[in-house]
N, C-alpha and C. Protein backbone atom coordinates (compact mmCIF):
# COMPACT_ATOMS: atom_id res chain seq x y z
N MET A 1 5.33 -17.97 -7.56
CA MET A 1 4.47 -16.81 -7.77
C MET A 1 5.23 -15.71 -8.50
N LYS A 2 4.48 -14.95 -9.29
CA LYS A 2 5.06 -13.78 -9.95
C LYS A 2 4.25 -12.56 -9.56
N LEU A 3 4.94 -11.52 -9.14
CA LEU A 3 4.29 -10.26 -8.76
C LEU A 3 4.53 -9.23 -9.85
N TYR A 4 3.46 -8.85 -10.53
CA TYR A 4 3.53 -7.80 -11.54
C TYR A 4 3.18 -6.49 -10.85
N GLY A 5 4.16 -5.58 -10.80
CA GLY A 5 3.93 -4.32 -10.09
C GLY A 5 4.87 -3.25 -10.58
N TYR A 6 4.79 -2.12 -9.90
CA TYR A 6 5.63 -0.96 -10.23
C TYR A 6 6.32 -0.53 -8.94
N TRP A 7 7.57 -0.18 -9.02
CA TRP A 7 8.38 0.03 -7.82
C TRP A 7 7.81 1.06 -6.86
N ARG A 8 7.18 2.13 -7.39
CA ARG A 8 6.70 3.19 -6.51
C ARG A 8 5.18 3.16 -6.33
N SER A 9 4.52 2.18 -6.88
CA SER A 9 3.08 2.01 -6.68
C SER A 9 2.82 1.61 -5.24
N SER A 10 1.95 2.35 -4.55
CA SER A 10 1.67 2.04 -3.15
C SER A 10 0.97 0.70 -3.00
N THR A 11 0.13 0.33 -3.97
CA THR A 11 -0.56 -0.96 -3.88
C THR A 11 0.41 -2.11 -4.12
N SER A 12 1.37 -1.93 -5.04
CA SER A 12 2.40 -2.95 -5.24
C SER A 12 3.27 -3.06 -3.99
N TYR A 13 3.61 -1.92 -3.41
CA TYR A 13 4.43 -1.86 -2.20
C TYR A 13 3.74 -2.60 -1.05
N ARG A 14 2.44 -2.37 -0.86
CA ARG A 14 1.75 -3.04 0.25
C ARG A 14 1.72 -4.55 0.06
N LEU A 15 1.59 -4.98 -1.20
CA LEU A 15 1.58 -6.43 -1.44
C LEU A 15 2.96 -7.03 -1.24
N ARG A 16 4.01 -6.30 -1.62
CA ARG A 16 5.36 -6.78 -1.34
C ARG A 16 5.57 -6.94 0.17
N CYS A 17 5.09 -5.97 0.94
CA CYS A 17 5.20 -6.06 2.40
C CYS A 17 4.50 -7.32 2.91
N ALA A 18 3.31 -7.58 2.40
CA ALA A 18 2.54 -8.74 2.84
C ALA A 18 3.27 -10.04 2.50
N LEU A 19 3.77 -10.14 1.28
CA LEU A 19 4.48 -11.35 0.87
C LEU A 19 5.75 -11.56 1.71
N GLU A 20 6.45 -10.48 1.97
CA GLU A 20 7.68 -10.58 2.77
C GLU A 20 7.36 -10.99 4.20
N LEU A 21 6.33 -10.39 4.80
CA LEU A 21 5.99 -10.74 6.18
C LEU A 21 5.56 -12.19 6.29
N LYS A 22 4.89 -12.71 5.28
CA LYS A 22 4.45 -14.10 5.31
C LYS A 22 5.55 -15.06 4.87
N GLY A 23 6.66 -14.55 4.39
CA GLY A 23 7.76 -15.40 3.97
C GLY A 23 7.47 -16.19 2.70
N ILE A 24 6.67 -15.61 1.81
CA ILE A 24 6.30 -16.27 0.56
C ILE A 24 7.22 -15.77 -0.55
N GLY A 25 7.91 -16.68 -1.20
CA GLY A 25 8.80 -16.30 -2.28
C GLY A 25 8.04 -15.90 -3.53
N TYR A 26 8.59 -14.96 -4.29
CA TYR A 26 7.94 -14.50 -5.50
C TYR A 26 8.97 -13.91 -6.45
N GLU A 27 8.63 -13.91 -7.72
CA GLU A 27 9.45 -13.28 -8.74
C GLU A 27 8.87 -11.90 -9.04
N ASN A 28 9.72 -10.90 -9.02
CA ASN A 28 9.27 -9.53 -9.26
C ASN A 28 9.29 -9.25 -10.76
N CYS A 29 8.12 -8.92 -11.33
CA CYS A 29 7.98 -8.66 -12.76
C CYS A 29 7.51 -7.22 -12.95
N PRO A 30 8.41 -6.29 -13.23
CA PRO A 30 8.04 -4.87 -13.31
C PRO A 30 7.08 -4.55 -14.46
N ILE A 31 6.14 -3.67 -14.17
CA ILE A 31 5.22 -3.12 -15.15
C ILE A 31 5.39 -1.61 -15.10
N ASN A 32 5.82 -1.00 -16.18
CA ASN A 32 6.12 0.43 -16.19
C ASN A 32 4.84 1.24 -16.37
N LEU A 33 4.35 1.81 -15.29
CA LEU A 33 3.12 2.60 -15.35
C LEU A 33 3.31 3.88 -16.15
N LEU A 34 4.50 4.44 -16.12
CA LEU A 34 4.74 5.69 -16.84
C LEU A 34 4.67 5.49 -18.34
N GLU A 35 4.89 4.27 -18.80
CA GLU A 35 4.77 3.94 -20.22
C GLU A 35 3.45 3.25 -20.53
N SER A 36 2.55 3.22 -19.52
CA SER A 36 1.21 2.63 -19.68
C SER A 36 1.26 1.16 -20.07
N ALA A 37 2.27 0.44 -19.57
CA ALA A 37 2.39 -0.98 -19.89
C ALA A 37 1.21 -1.78 -19.35
N GLN A 38 0.58 -1.26 -18.29
CA GLN A 38 -0.57 -1.97 -17.71
C GLN A 38 -1.80 -1.94 -18.61
N LYS A 39 -1.78 -1.10 -19.64
CA LYS A 39 -2.91 -0.98 -20.55
C LYS A 39 -2.75 -1.82 -21.81
N GLU A 40 -1.60 -2.46 -21.95
CA GLU A 40 -1.36 -3.27 -23.14
C GLU A 40 -2.20 -4.54 -23.10
N GLU A 41 -2.59 -5.02 -24.29
CA GLU A 41 -3.52 -6.14 -24.37
C GLU A 41 -2.97 -7.40 -23.69
N ALA A 42 -1.68 -7.59 -23.77
CA ALA A 42 -1.08 -8.77 -23.14
C ALA A 42 -1.32 -8.79 -21.63
N PHE A 43 -1.44 -7.60 -21.04
CA PHE A 43 -1.68 -7.51 -19.60
C PHE A 43 -3.17 -7.48 -19.30
N THR A 44 -3.93 -6.67 -20.02
CA THR A 44 -5.36 -6.54 -19.72
C THR A 44 -6.13 -7.82 -20.03
N SER A 45 -5.59 -8.67 -20.91
CA SER A 45 -6.26 -9.95 -21.17
C SER A 45 -6.22 -10.84 -19.94
N ARG A 46 -5.28 -10.57 -19.05
CA ARG A 46 -5.18 -11.31 -17.80
C ARG A 46 -5.78 -10.54 -16.63
N ASN A 47 -5.66 -9.23 -16.68
CA ASN A 47 -6.17 -8.38 -15.61
C ASN A 47 -6.98 -7.24 -16.23
N PRO A 48 -8.28 -7.42 -16.38
CA PRO A 48 -9.11 -6.41 -17.04
C PRO A 48 -9.12 -5.06 -16.34
N PHE A 49 -8.72 -5.01 -15.05
CA PHE A 49 -8.68 -3.73 -14.34
C PHE A 49 -7.54 -2.84 -14.86
N ALA A 50 -6.56 -3.45 -15.55
CA ALA A 50 -5.40 -2.70 -16.06
C ALA A 50 -4.70 -1.94 -14.94
N THR A 51 -4.51 -2.63 -13.82
CA THR A 51 -3.87 -2.03 -12.65
C THR A 51 -2.82 -2.97 -12.10
N VAL A 52 -1.93 -2.42 -11.32
CA VAL A 52 -1.01 -3.23 -10.53
C VAL A 52 -1.36 -3.04 -9.06
N PRO A 53 -1.05 -4.06 -8.26
CA PRO A 53 -0.35 -5.29 -8.61
C PRO A 53 -1.27 -6.35 -9.18
N MET A 54 -0.64 -7.31 -9.85
CA MET A 54 -1.30 -8.56 -10.20
C MET A 54 -0.39 -9.68 -9.72
N LEU A 55 -0.97 -10.66 -9.07
CA LEU A 55 -0.19 -11.77 -8.55
C LEU A 55 -0.55 -13.03 -9.33
N GLU A 56 0.44 -13.58 -10.00
CA GLU A 56 0.25 -14.83 -10.73
C GLU A 56 0.48 -16.00 -9.78
N THR A 57 -0.53 -16.84 -9.62
CA THR A 57 -0.44 -17.98 -8.71
C THR A 57 -0.79 -19.26 -9.48
N GLU A 58 -0.58 -20.39 -8.84
CA GLU A 58 -0.90 -21.66 -9.48
C GLU A 58 -2.38 -21.79 -9.77
N SER A 59 -3.21 -21.09 -9.02
CA SER A 59 -4.66 -21.19 -9.20
C SER A 59 -5.25 -20.03 -9.98
N GLY A 60 -4.40 -19.17 -10.54
CA GLY A 60 -4.91 -18.08 -11.36
C GLY A 60 -4.27 -16.74 -11.05
N ASP A 61 -4.60 -15.75 -11.86
CA ASP A 61 -4.10 -14.39 -11.67
C ASP A 61 -5.01 -13.66 -10.69
N ARG A 62 -4.39 -12.96 -9.75
CA ARG A 62 -5.14 -12.22 -8.73
C ARG A 62 -4.90 -10.73 -8.90
N ALA A 63 -5.99 -9.96 -8.85
CA ALA A 63 -5.90 -8.49 -8.93
C ALA A 63 -6.53 -7.89 -7.68
N GLN A 64 -6.29 -6.60 -7.48
CA GLN A 64 -6.80 -5.82 -6.35
C GLN A 64 -6.06 -6.21 -5.05
N SER A 65 -5.19 -5.31 -4.63
CA SER A 65 -4.22 -5.62 -3.57
C SER A 65 -4.86 -6.05 -2.26
N MET A 66 -5.94 -5.40 -1.84
CA MET A 66 -6.53 -5.77 -0.55
C MET A 66 -7.16 -7.16 -0.60
N ALA A 67 -7.79 -7.47 -1.72
CA ALA A 67 -8.35 -8.81 -1.89
C ALA A 67 -7.23 -9.85 -1.92
N ILE A 68 -6.11 -9.51 -2.55
CA ILE A 68 -4.98 -10.44 -2.59
C ILE A 68 -4.43 -10.69 -1.19
N ILE A 69 -4.30 -9.63 -0.40
CA ILE A 69 -3.77 -9.79 0.96
C ILE A 69 -4.68 -10.70 1.77
N GLU A 70 -5.99 -10.50 1.67
CA GLU A 70 -6.92 -11.37 2.40
C GLU A 70 -6.81 -12.81 1.88
N TRP A 71 -6.68 -12.97 0.57
CA TRP A 71 -6.54 -14.31 -0.01
C TRP A 71 -5.27 -14.99 0.49
N LEU A 72 -4.16 -14.24 0.52
CA LEU A 72 -2.90 -14.80 1.02
C LEU A 72 -3.05 -15.32 2.44
N ASP A 73 -3.76 -14.57 3.27
CA ASP A 73 -3.92 -14.98 4.66
C ASP A 73 -4.77 -16.24 4.79
N GLU A 74 -5.70 -16.44 3.86
CA GLU A 74 -6.53 -17.64 3.89
C GLU A 74 -5.82 -18.83 3.26
N ALA A 75 -5.05 -18.57 2.21
CA ALA A 75 -4.37 -19.65 1.49
C ALA A 75 -3.10 -20.11 2.20
N TYR A 76 -2.44 -19.20 2.91
CA TYR A 76 -1.19 -19.51 3.59
C TYR A 76 -1.35 -19.11 5.06
N ARG A 77 -1.63 -20.09 5.89
CA ARG A 77 -2.02 -19.81 7.28
C ARG A 77 -0.86 -19.40 8.17
N ASP A 78 0.36 -19.74 7.78
CA ASP A 78 1.50 -19.37 8.62
C ASP A 78 1.70 -17.86 8.60
N LYS A 79 2.18 -17.33 9.71
CA LYS A 79 2.48 -15.91 9.85
C LYS A 79 1.29 -15.05 9.42
N PRO A 80 0.18 -15.16 10.10
CA PRO A 80 -1.03 -14.42 9.70
C PRO A 80 -0.84 -12.91 9.73
N LEU A 81 -1.49 -12.25 8.78
CA LEU A 81 -1.45 -10.79 8.70
C LEU A 81 -2.57 -10.14 9.49
N LEU A 82 -3.58 -10.92 9.83
CA LEU A 82 -4.66 -10.44 10.69
C LEU A 82 -4.53 -11.09 12.05
N PRO A 83 -4.77 -10.33 13.13
CA PRO A 83 -4.59 -10.86 14.48
C PRO A 83 -5.68 -11.86 14.85
N SER A 84 -5.43 -12.61 15.90
CA SER A 84 -6.46 -13.49 16.43
C SER A 84 -7.47 -12.64 17.20
N GLY A 85 -8.68 -13.12 17.27
CA GLY A 85 -9.70 -12.36 17.98
C GLY A 85 -10.51 -11.52 17.03
N LEU A 86 -11.83 -11.69 17.08
CA LEU A 86 -12.73 -11.01 16.15
C LEU A 86 -12.59 -9.49 16.21
N ASP A 87 -12.55 -8.92 17.41
CA ASP A 87 -12.47 -7.46 17.55
C ASP A 87 -11.16 -6.90 17.01
N HIS A 88 -10.06 -7.60 17.29
CA HIS A 88 -8.77 -7.13 16.79
C HIS A 88 -8.71 -7.21 15.26
N ARG A 89 -9.27 -8.25 14.69
CA ARG A 89 -9.30 -8.34 13.23
C ARG A 89 -10.13 -7.21 12.64
N TYR A 90 -11.22 -6.88 13.31
CA TYR A 90 -12.04 -5.76 12.84
C TYR A 90 -11.24 -4.46 12.86
N ILE A 91 -10.54 -4.19 13.95
CA ILE A 91 -9.78 -2.95 14.06
C ILE A 91 -8.71 -2.87 12.97
N ALA A 92 -8.01 -3.97 12.74
CA ALA A 92 -6.98 -3.99 11.70
C ALA A 92 -7.60 -3.68 10.34
N ARG A 93 -8.76 -4.27 10.08
CA ARG A 93 -9.43 -4.01 8.80
C ARG A 93 -9.94 -2.56 8.74
N GLU A 94 -10.51 -2.08 9.83
CA GLU A 94 -11.03 -0.72 9.85
C GLU A 94 -9.97 0.28 9.43
N LEU A 95 -8.79 0.18 10.04
CA LEU A 95 -7.74 1.15 9.76
C LEU A 95 -7.10 0.93 8.40
N ALA A 96 -6.89 -0.33 8.04
CA ALA A 96 -6.29 -0.62 6.74
C ALA A 96 -7.19 -0.18 5.60
N TYR A 97 -8.48 -0.48 5.72
CA TYR A 97 -9.41 -0.11 4.65
C TYR A 97 -9.69 1.39 4.63
N ALA A 98 -9.58 2.06 5.75
CA ALA A 98 -9.72 3.52 5.75
C ALA A 98 -8.69 4.14 4.82
N ILE A 99 -7.45 3.67 4.93
CA ILE A 99 -6.38 4.19 4.07
C ILE A 99 -6.56 3.71 2.64
N ALA A 100 -6.81 2.42 2.47
CA ALA A 100 -6.88 1.84 1.13
C ALA A 100 -8.04 2.39 0.31
N THR A 101 -9.19 2.58 0.94
CA THR A 101 -10.37 2.99 0.18
C THR A 101 -10.52 4.51 0.10
N GLU A 102 -10.10 5.24 1.12
CA GLU A 102 -10.31 6.68 1.11
C GLU A 102 -9.18 7.44 0.40
N LEU A 103 -7.99 6.86 0.37
CA LEU A 103 -6.85 7.60 -0.18
C LEU A 103 -6.42 7.15 -1.56
N HIS A 104 -6.51 5.86 -1.84
CA HIS A 104 -5.97 5.41 -3.13
C HIS A 104 -6.73 6.02 -4.30
N ALA A 105 -8.05 6.08 -4.22
CA ALA A 105 -8.84 6.56 -5.36
C ALA A 105 -8.52 8.01 -5.76
N PRO A 106 -8.49 8.97 -4.81
CA PRO A 106 -8.22 10.35 -5.23
C PRO A 106 -6.75 10.66 -5.46
N LEU A 107 -5.85 9.75 -5.05
CA LEU A 107 -4.43 10.07 -5.09
C LEU A 107 -3.62 9.19 -6.04
N ASN A 108 -4.28 8.33 -6.81
CA ASN A 108 -3.50 7.45 -7.67
C ASN A 108 -3.04 8.19 -8.93
N LEU A 109 -2.15 7.57 -9.67
CA LEU A 109 -1.47 8.23 -10.79
C LEU A 109 -2.43 8.74 -11.87
N PRO A 110 -3.45 7.97 -12.29
CA PRO A 110 -4.36 8.50 -13.33
C PRO A 110 -5.08 9.77 -12.90
N VAL A 111 -5.45 9.86 -11.61
CA VAL A 111 -6.12 11.06 -11.12
C VAL A 111 -5.17 12.25 -11.15
N LEU A 112 -3.94 12.04 -10.70
CA LEU A 112 -2.97 13.13 -10.68
C LEU A 112 -2.65 13.61 -12.09
N LYS A 113 -2.58 12.66 -13.03
CA LYS A 113 -2.36 13.05 -14.42
C LYS A 113 -3.55 13.85 -14.96
N TYR A 114 -4.76 13.45 -14.59
CA TYR A 114 -5.96 14.13 -15.08
C TYR A 114 -6.05 15.55 -14.53
N LEU A 115 -5.61 15.73 -13.27
CA LEU A 115 -5.61 17.07 -12.70
C LEU A 115 -4.69 18.00 -13.49
N LYS A 116 -3.57 17.44 -13.98
CA LYS A 116 -2.62 18.26 -14.72
C LYS A 116 -3.08 18.48 -16.16
N ASP A 117 -3.52 17.41 -16.80
CA ASP A 117 -3.96 17.47 -18.19
C ASP A 117 -5.09 16.46 -18.37
N PRO A 118 -6.33 16.90 -18.59
CA PRO A 118 -6.70 18.16 -19.24
C PRO A 118 -7.12 19.31 -18.32
N LEU A 119 -7.18 19.10 -17.00
CA LEU A 119 -7.75 20.15 -16.15
C LEU A 119 -6.82 21.34 -15.95
N GLY A 120 -5.54 21.18 -16.22
CA GLY A 120 -4.64 22.32 -16.26
C GLY A 120 -4.10 22.80 -14.93
N HIS A 121 -4.13 21.96 -13.89
CA HIS A 121 -3.57 22.37 -12.59
C HIS A 121 -2.05 22.25 -12.61
N ASN A 122 -1.39 23.19 -11.95
CA ASN A 122 0.06 23.10 -11.86
C ASN A 122 0.46 22.16 -10.71
N GLN A 123 1.76 21.88 -10.62
CA GLN A 123 2.22 20.89 -9.64
C GLN A 123 1.96 21.33 -8.21
N GLU A 124 2.07 22.62 -7.93
CA GLU A 124 1.80 23.11 -6.57
C GLU A 124 0.35 22.86 -6.19
N GLU A 125 -0.56 23.09 -7.11
CA GLU A 125 -1.99 22.85 -6.84
C GLU A 125 -2.26 21.36 -6.66
N ILE A 126 -1.59 20.52 -7.44
CA ILE A 126 -1.76 19.07 -7.31
C ILE A 126 -1.22 18.59 -5.97
N ASP A 127 -0.08 19.12 -5.56
CA ASP A 127 0.48 18.75 -4.26
C ASP A 127 -0.45 19.17 -3.12
N THR A 128 -1.09 20.32 -3.26
CA THR A 128 -2.05 20.78 -2.25
C THR A 128 -3.25 19.82 -2.19
N TRP A 129 -3.74 19.41 -3.35
CA TRP A 129 -4.81 18.41 -3.42
C TRP A 129 -4.40 17.15 -2.67
N TYR A 130 -3.20 16.68 -2.95
CA TYR A 130 -2.70 15.44 -2.36
C TYR A 130 -2.66 15.54 -0.83
N ARG A 131 -2.11 16.62 -0.33
CA ARG A 131 -1.99 16.77 1.12
C ARG A 131 -3.34 16.95 1.79
N HIS A 132 -4.30 17.58 1.10
CA HIS A 132 -5.64 17.75 1.67
C HIS A 132 -6.27 16.40 1.96
N TRP A 133 -6.21 15.48 1.00
CA TRP A 133 -6.85 14.18 1.19
C TRP A 133 -6.08 13.32 2.17
N LEU A 134 -4.76 13.46 2.21
CA LEU A 134 -3.98 12.75 3.23
C LEU A 134 -4.44 13.15 4.62
N ALA A 135 -4.57 14.44 4.86
CA ALA A 135 -4.97 14.90 6.19
C ALA A 135 -6.36 14.40 6.55
N LYS A 136 -7.25 14.38 5.59
CA LYS A 136 -8.64 13.97 5.85
C LYS A 136 -8.72 12.55 6.41
N THR A 137 -7.81 11.66 5.98
CA THR A 137 -7.84 10.28 6.45
C THR A 137 -6.77 9.97 7.49
N LEU A 138 -5.57 10.47 7.30
CA LEU A 138 -4.49 10.10 8.23
C LEU A 138 -4.71 10.66 9.63
N HIS A 139 -5.27 11.84 9.75
CA HIS A 139 -5.50 12.40 11.08
C HIS A 139 -6.52 11.57 11.88
N PRO A 140 -7.64 11.14 11.30
CA PRO A 140 -8.53 10.24 12.04
C PRO A 140 -7.89 8.90 12.37
N VAL A 141 -7.06 8.37 11.47
CA VAL A 141 -6.37 7.12 11.77
C VAL A 141 -5.45 7.32 12.97
N GLU A 142 -4.74 8.44 13.00
CA GLU A 142 -3.88 8.74 14.15
C GLU A 142 -4.70 8.84 15.43
N ALA A 143 -5.87 9.46 15.34
CA ALA A 143 -6.73 9.59 16.52
C ALA A 143 -7.19 8.22 17.01
N ARG A 144 -7.49 7.30 16.06
CA ARG A 144 -7.88 5.95 16.46
C ARG A 144 -6.72 5.22 17.12
N LEU A 145 -5.52 5.40 16.60
CA LEU A 145 -4.34 4.78 17.22
C LEU A 145 -4.14 5.29 18.63
N ALA A 146 -4.41 6.57 18.85
CA ALA A 146 -4.29 7.13 20.20
C ALA A 146 -5.32 6.51 21.13
N GLN A 147 -6.55 6.32 20.64
CA GLN A 147 -7.58 5.66 21.46
C GLN A 147 -7.16 4.25 21.84
N LEU A 148 -6.49 3.57 20.91
CA LEU A 148 -6.06 2.18 21.14
C LEU A 148 -4.76 2.10 21.93
N GLU A 149 -4.11 3.24 22.13
CA GLU A 149 -2.82 3.30 22.82
C GLU A 149 -1.81 2.36 22.16
N SER A 150 -1.72 2.48 20.84
CA SER A 150 -0.84 1.60 20.07
C SER A 150 0.62 1.87 20.41
N GLY A 151 1.45 0.85 20.18
CA GLY A 151 2.88 0.96 20.44
C GLY A 151 3.66 0.95 19.14
N ASP A 152 4.68 0.09 19.05
CA ASP A 152 5.49 0.02 17.85
C ASP A 152 4.69 -0.51 16.66
N PHE A 153 3.67 -1.31 16.94
CA PHE A 153 2.78 -1.81 15.90
C PHE A 153 1.34 -1.65 16.39
N LEU A 154 0.38 -1.86 15.49
CA LEU A 154 -1.01 -1.78 15.91
C LEU A 154 -1.29 -2.77 17.01
N PHE A 155 -0.80 -4.01 16.82
CA PHE A 155 -0.91 -5.03 17.87
C PHE A 155 0.48 -5.55 18.17
N ASN A 156 0.66 -6.84 18.34
CA ASN A 156 1.95 -7.36 18.78
C ASN A 156 2.99 -7.45 17.67
N ALA A 157 2.53 -7.54 16.45
CA ALA A 157 3.44 -7.70 15.31
C ALA A 157 2.82 -7.01 14.09
N PRO A 158 3.65 -6.62 13.12
CA PRO A 158 3.09 -5.97 11.94
C PRO A 158 2.21 -6.91 11.14
N GLY A 159 1.18 -6.36 10.51
CA GLY A 159 0.25 -7.17 9.72
C GLY A 159 -0.38 -6.35 8.63
N MET A 160 -1.64 -6.64 8.34
CA MET A 160 -2.33 -5.96 7.25
C MET A 160 -2.27 -4.44 7.37
N PHE A 161 -2.53 -3.92 8.55
CA PHE A 161 -2.55 -2.46 8.71
C PHE A 161 -1.20 -1.86 8.36
N GLU A 162 -0.14 -2.43 8.89
CA GLU A 162 1.19 -1.89 8.62
C GLU A 162 1.55 -2.00 7.14
N CYS A 163 1.10 -3.09 6.48
CA CYS A 163 1.36 -3.25 5.04
C CYS A 163 0.73 -2.12 4.24
N VAL A 164 -0.39 -1.61 4.70
CA VAL A 164 -1.07 -0.51 4.01
C VAL A 164 -0.52 0.85 4.45
N LEU A 165 -0.22 0.98 5.72
CA LEU A 165 0.24 2.27 6.26
C LEU A 165 1.60 2.69 5.72
N ILE A 166 2.57 1.79 5.72
CA ILE A 166 3.94 2.17 5.39
C ILE A 166 4.06 2.74 3.97
N PRO A 167 3.45 2.13 2.95
CA PRO A 167 3.50 2.76 1.62
C PRO A 167 2.83 4.12 1.57
N GLN A 168 1.75 4.31 2.35
CA GLN A 168 1.07 5.60 2.32
C GLN A 168 1.93 6.68 2.97
N LEU A 169 2.66 6.34 4.01
CA LEU A 169 3.55 7.32 4.62
C LEU A 169 4.74 7.62 3.71
N TYR A 170 5.19 6.63 2.97
CA TYR A 170 6.24 6.85 1.98
C TYR A 170 5.77 7.90 0.97
N ASN A 171 4.54 7.76 0.49
CA ASN A 171 3.99 8.73 -0.45
C ASN A 171 3.79 10.09 0.21
N ALA A 172 3.34 10.08 1.47
CA ALA A 172 3.13 11.34 2.18
C ALA A 172 4.42 12.14 2.25
N ARG A 173 5.52 11.47 2.50
CA ARG A 173 6.80 12.17 2.59
C ARG A 173 7.23 12.69 1.22
N ARG A 174 6.91 11.96 0.16
CA ARG A 174 7.24 12.43 -1.19
C ARG A 174 6.54 13.75 -1.49
N PHE A 175 5.32 13.93 -0.94
CA PHE A 175 4.55 15.13 -1.21
C PHE A 175 4.64 16.14 -0.05
N ALA A 176 5.68 15.99 0.78
CA ALA A 176 5.99 16.95 1.84
C ALA A 176 4.82 17.16 2.79
N PHE A 177 4.13 16.07 3.13
CA PHE A 177 3.03 16.15 4.09
C PHE A 177 3.60 16.24 5.50
N ASP A 178 3.05 17.12 6.30
CA ASP A 178 3.51 17.34 7.67
C ASP A 178 3.01 16.20 8.57
N LEU A 179 3.93 15.37 9.02
CA LEU A 179 3.57 14.23 9.87
C LEU A 179 3.77 14.51 11.36
N SER A 180 3.98 15.79 11.71
CA SER A 180 4.23 16.12 13.11
C SER A 180 3.02 15.82 14.00
N GLU A 181 1.83 15.79 13.39
CA GLU A 181 0.63 15.49 14.17
C GLU A 181 0.29 13.99 14.15
N CYS A 182 1.20 13.19 13.66
CA CYS A 182 0.96 11.74 13.54
C CYS A 182 2.08 10.94 14.21
N PRO A 183 2.38 11.20 15.49
CA PRO A 183 3.52 10.54 16.12
C PRO A 183 3.37 9.03 16.24
N ARG A 184 2.15 8.54 16.42
CA ARG A 184 1.98 7.08 16.55
C ARG A 184 2.22 6.39 15.21
N MET A 185 1.78 6.98 14.14
CA MET A 185 2.05 6.41 12.83
C MET A 185 3.54 6.45 12.52
N VAL A 186 4.19 7.53 12.87
CA VAL A 186 5.63 7.65 12.62
C VAL A 186 6.40 6.61 13.45
N ARG A 187 5.95 6.35 14.67
CA ARG A 187 6.59 5.33 15.50
C ARG A 187 6.45 3.95 14.84
N ILE A 188 5.26 3.64 14.34
CA ILE A 188 5.03 2.36 13.67
C ILE A 188 5.90 2.28 12.41
N GLU A 189 5.95 3.38 11.67
CA GLU A 189 6.77 3.43 10.46
C GLU A 189 8.23 3.12 10.78
N SER A 190 8.74 3.73 11.83
CA SER A 190 10.14 3.52 12.20
C SER A 190 10.40 2.07 12.58
N ALA A 191 9.49 1.47 13.35
CA ALA A 191 9.66 0.08 13.77
C ALA A 191 9.61 -0.86 12.56
N CYS A 192 8.70 -0.59 11.63
CA CYS A 192 8.59 -1.44 10.44
C CYS A 192 9.82 -1.30 9.55
N ASN A 193 10.24 -0.08 9.30
CA ASN A 193 11.35 0.14 8.38
C ASN A 193 12.68 -0.40 8.90
N ALA A 194 12.72 -0.73 10.19
CA ALA A 194 13.92 -1.36 10.75
C ALA A 194 13.95 -2.86 10.50
N MET A 195 12.85 -3.42 10.03
CA MET A 195 12.75 -4.86 9.80
C MET A 195 13.21 -5.22 8.39
N GLU A 196 13.87 -6.37 8.26
CA GLU A 196 14.38 -6.79 6.96
C GLU A 196 13.26 -6.99 5.95
N GLU A 197 12.10 -7.46 6.41
CA GLU A 197 10.99 -7.69 5.48
C GLU A 197 10.56 -6.38 4.81
N PHE A 198 10.46 -5.33 5.58
CA PHE A 198 10.05 -4.04 5.01
C PHE A 198 11.18 -3.41 4.20
N LYS A 199 12.42 -3.67 4.59
CA LYS A 199 13.54 -3.17 3.79
C LYS A 199 13.53 -3.79 2.41
N ARG A 200 13.28 -5.11 2.33
CA ARG A 200 13.25 -5.78 1.03
C ARG A 200 12.09 -5.29 0.17
N ALA A 201 11.00 -4.90 0.82
CA ALA A 201 9.81 -4.43 0.09
C ALA A 201 9.90 -2.97 -0.34
N HIS A 202 10.85 -2.24 0.20
CA HIS A 202 10.94 -0.78 -0.05
C HIS A 202 11.12 -0.49 -1.54
N PRO A 203 10.50 0.56 -2.04
CA PRO A 203 10.62 0.90 -3.46
C PRO A 203 12.06 1.01 -3.96
N ASP A 204 12.93 1.57 -3.15
CA ASP A 204 14.31 1.76 -3.60
C ASP A 204 15.04 0.45 -3.85
N ASN A 205 14.53 -0.64 -3.30
CA ASN A 205 15.19 -1.94 -3.43
C ASN A 205 14.55 -2.84 -4.49
N GLN A 206 13.77 -2.24 -5.39
CA GLN A 206 13.12 -3.01 -6.45
C GLN A 206 13.93 -2.93 -7.74
N PRO A 207 13.85 -3.96 -8.58
CA PRO A 207 14.69 -4.00 -9.80
C PRO A 207 14.40 -2.87 -10.78
N ASP A 208 13.19 -2.31 -10.73
CA ASP A 208 12.86 -1.24 -11.67
C ASP A 208 12.97 0.14 -11.06
N ALA A 209 13.53 0.24 -9.85
CA ALA A 209 13.65 1.54 -9.18
C ALA A 209 14.57 2.46 -9.99
N HIS A 210 14.15 3.72 -10.11
CA HIS A 210 14.96 4.70 -10.83
C HIS A 210 14.56 6.10 -10.40
């Protein structure tokens, strides 16, 4: 497999976490988003969304990180990313998709660039925008974790939810978001970041990190 991604892309990061947790080997193929490499014809001819990550597999190119994670769990049954039990799988999806669908759209790189140019917002205003949307979703996720009385992980082991959460918290820290009201998420983050799988997936450990 080949993973086309960008070192600091949260969607690429979540897919790296998923691949590492499942123990699936892959070749890392960097796509420089800052140089708009994802918009070049050689890439868009394979991935019309012009986004990362894209996973090259024997059965075709896969786009959209959440769909890829679900596909991986169906195609490779070992080390499942979703828990057993219908209700537990629902909860994992509920929390993972809350972050993936509510936060990625308003906080991704094209939106942040558009806020700066042509809309003319300065970096402080953009950072305020970023933190506003983080709070809108992360605080309810924290409240749900409290209802579930979560521990080091959502359930017994890290899975889909943790693959989505850890990159979002990485971004939250980059934008100086106050995580003091999110102790359960911070506990999960600490437990995950102590694992070799998450260490290998971390942005700083990617070949294109700079």
